[in-house]
Protein backbone atom coordinates (compact mmCIF):
# COMPACT_ATOMS: atom_id res chain seq x y z
CA MET A 1 0.00 0.00 0.00
CA LYS A 2 2.85 2.41 0.82
CA LYS A 3 4.39 1.81 -2.61
CA VAL A 4 1.16 2.84 -4.31
CA ILE A 5 0.97 6.04 -2.26
CA PHE A 6 4.58 6.98 -3.00
CA ARG A 7 4.11 6.19 -6.69
CA LYS A 8 1.02 8.41 -6.81
CA ILE A 9 2.97 11.20 -5.06
CA ALA A 10 5.73 10.89 -7.68
CA ALA A 11 3.12 11.01 -10.44
CA ALA A 12 1.49 14.08 -8.89
CA ILE A 13 4.85 15.83 -8.62
CA ALA A 14 5.62 15.06 -12.27
CA LEU A 15 2.17 16.19 -13.43
CA ILE A 16 1.99 19.40 -11.39
CA PHE A 17 5.55 20.47 -12.14
CA SER A 18 5.09 19.73 -15.84
CA LEU A 19 1.84 21.68 -15.98
CA LEU A 20 3.46 24.66 -14.27
CA THR A 21 6.37 24.50 -16.71
CA ILE A 22 4.02 24.40 -19.69
CA VAL A 23 2.04 27.41 -18.42
CA GLU A 24 5.08 29.52 -17.54
CA GLY A 25 7.11 28.51 -20.59
CA SER A 26 4.24 29.01 -23.03
CA GLN A 27 3.55 32.49 -21.66
CA VAL A 28 7.15 33.50 -22.34
CA LEU A 29 7.33 31.62 -25.64
CA PHE A 30 4.21 33.31 -27.03
CA GLY A 31 5.04 36.77 -25.66
CA ALA A 32 2.33 37.05 -23.00
CA VAL A 33 5.05 37.57 -20.39
CA VAL A 34 8.39 39.26 -20.98
CA PRO A 35 10.97 38.27 -18.34
CA GLU A 36 13.57 40.74 -17.12
CA HIS A 37 16.39 38.31 -17.90
CA PHE A 38 17.73 37.06 -21.23
CA VAL A 39 15.79 34.05 -22.53
CA LEU A 40 17.61 31.37 -24.48
CA LYS A 41 14.82 30.34 -26.85
CA PRO A 42 16.09 26.79 -27.60
CA LEU A 43 16.21 26.12 -23.84
CA LEU A 44 12.69 27.47 -23.45
CA ILE A 45 11.40 25.26 -26.26
CA TYR A 46 13.20 22.24 -24.76
CA ASN A 47 11.61 22.91 -21.37
CA VAL A 48 8.08 23.20 -22.78
CA LEU A 49 8.47 20.06 -24.92
CA MET A 50 9.95 18.09 -22.02
CA ALA A 51 7.09 19.28 -19.82
CA LEU A 52 4.69 17.74 -22.34
CA VAL A 53 6.69 14.52 -22.07
CA GLY A 54 6.54 14.97 -18.29
CA ILE A 55 2.73 14.94 -18.44
CA ILE A 56 2.88 11.61 -20.28
CA ALA A 57 5.40 10.32 -17.73
CA GLY A 58 3.17 11.39 -14.85
CA VAL A 59 0.24 9.46 -16.32
CA ILE A 60 2.45 6.42 -16.91
CA ILE A 61 3.70 6.56 -13.32
CA TRP A 62 0.12 7.01 -12.02
CA ILE A 63 -1.21 3.93 -13.84
CA ASN A 64 1.91 1.96 -12.87
CA CYS A 65 2.99 1.09 -16.38
CA LYS A 66 6.14 -1.00 -16.58
CA ARG A 67 7.77 1.73 -18.69
CA ALA A 68 7.56 4.29 -15.85
CA LEU A 69 11.13 3.67 -14.72
CA LEU A 70 12.48 3.87 -18.27
CA ILE A 71 10.77 7.13 -19.21
CA THR A 72 11.60 8.73 -15.86
CA THR A 73 15.24 7.73 -16.26
CA ILE A 74 15.39 9.20 -19.77
CA ILE A 75 13.79 12.49 -18.67
CA THR A 76 16.15 12.80 -15.70
CA PHE A 77 19.20 11.98 -17.82
CA LEU A 78 18.25 14.54 -20.48
CA HIS A 79 17.66 17.22 -17.85
CA PHE A 80 21.11 16.65 -16.37
CA ILE A 81 22.72 16.78 -19.83
CA VAL A 82 20.96 20.10 -20.54
CA LEU A 83 21.84 21.37 -17.05
CA PHE A 84 25.55 20.66 -17.60
CA THR A 85 25.37 22.28 -21.03
CA VAL A 86 23.63 25.39 -19.67
CA GLU A 87 26.13 25.65 -16.80
CA PHE A 88 29.02 25.30 -19.23
CA ILE A 89 27.63 28.11 -21.40
CA PHE A 90 26.93 30.26 -18.33
CA TYR A 91 30.39 29.83 -16.81
CA SER A 92 32.13 30.41 -20.14
CA ARG A 93 30.40 33.81 -20.21
CA GLY A 94 27.84 32.72 -22.76
CA SER A 95 24.36 34.09 -23.24
CA VAL A 96 22.51 32.20 -20.50
CA ALA A 97 20.81 33.94 -17.60
CA GLU A 98 21.51 32.82 -14.05
CA HIS A 99 17.74 32.29 -13.77
CA SER A 100 17.97 29.60 -16.48
CA VAL A 101 20.75 27.79 -14.63
CA VAL A 102 18.80 27.81 -11.36
CA ALA A 103 15.63 26.67 -13.15
CA MET A 104 17.49 23.73 -14.72
CA ILE A 105 18.99 22.78 -11.34
CA ILE A 106 15.49 22.72 -9.85
CA ARG A 107 14.09 20.81 -12.84
CA ALA A 108 16.86 18.18 -12.72
CA ALA A 109 16.53 17.82 -8.93
CA ILE A 110 12.75 17.36 -9.08
CA TRP A 111 13.05 14.69 -11.75
CA LEU A 112 15.82 12.97 -9.80
CA VAL A 113 13.46 12.78 -6.80
CA VAL A 114 10.68 11.41 -9.03
CA LEU A 115 13.11 8.85 -10.48
CA VAL A 116 14.23 7.66 -7.03
CA ILE A 117 10.63 7.35 -5.85
CA VAL A 118 9.64 5.37 -8.95
CA TRP A 119 12.70 3.13 -8.70
CA ARG A 120 12.28 2.47 -4.97
CA ASN A 121 8.58 1.72 -5.30
CA MET A 122 8.49 -0.52 -8.34
CA PRO A 123 6.65 -3.76 -7.71
CA LYS A 124 9.10 -6.54 -6.86
CA SER A 125 7.63 -8.65 -9.66
CA ASP A 126 8.79 -6.07 -12.25
CA LEU A 127 12.32 -6.07 -10.85
CA ASN A 128 12.42 -9.88 -10.58
CA SER A 129 11.13 -10.40 -14.11
CA LYS A 130 13.88 -8.11 -15.45
CA ASN A 131 16.52 -10.03 -13.48
CA GLU A 132 15.13 -13.37 -14.65
CA LYS A 133 15.14 -12.20 -18.27
CA ASN A 134 18.77 -11.06 -17.92
CA ASN A 135 19.71 -14.42 -16.41
CA ILE A 136 17.96 -16.27 -19.24
CA ASP A 137 19.74 -14.10 -21.82
CA LYS A 138 23.09 -14.78 -20.15
CA GLY A 139 22.38 -18.50 -20.22
CA LYS A 140 21.68 -18.36 -23.96
CA ASN A 141 24.93 -16.53 -24.59
CA GLU A 142 26.94 -19.13 -22.68
CA ASN A 143 25.63 -22.04 -24.74
């Protein structure tokens, strides 16, 4: 029962954070809001698109699809890659606002928390079936 509750919390975090990102990012993207800092448009587009993917991930986590761990891992990995890229540009005096760096740190951290929750609360049967499949595949390779 605890695993279900934690999984639903992770899904809610993913859904709410993604919705907020879509709203805020779309307002800036379509000119409804003009921030005081420089906006790197490719980063803004990435964030809005990944928030759409985040909505899908939240639903997948909520319904406990076996792909929840995979999609959450991919999203987290991509956010960290973009975070490191944005930090590199920022520290090499590139055209990235400090606000963008902080936002990516928050985004990557939130998805890391979601990933850990999903990983820790996967049903044991899913983990065991993956281990059994790997063992079967290893056995085939040895013969």
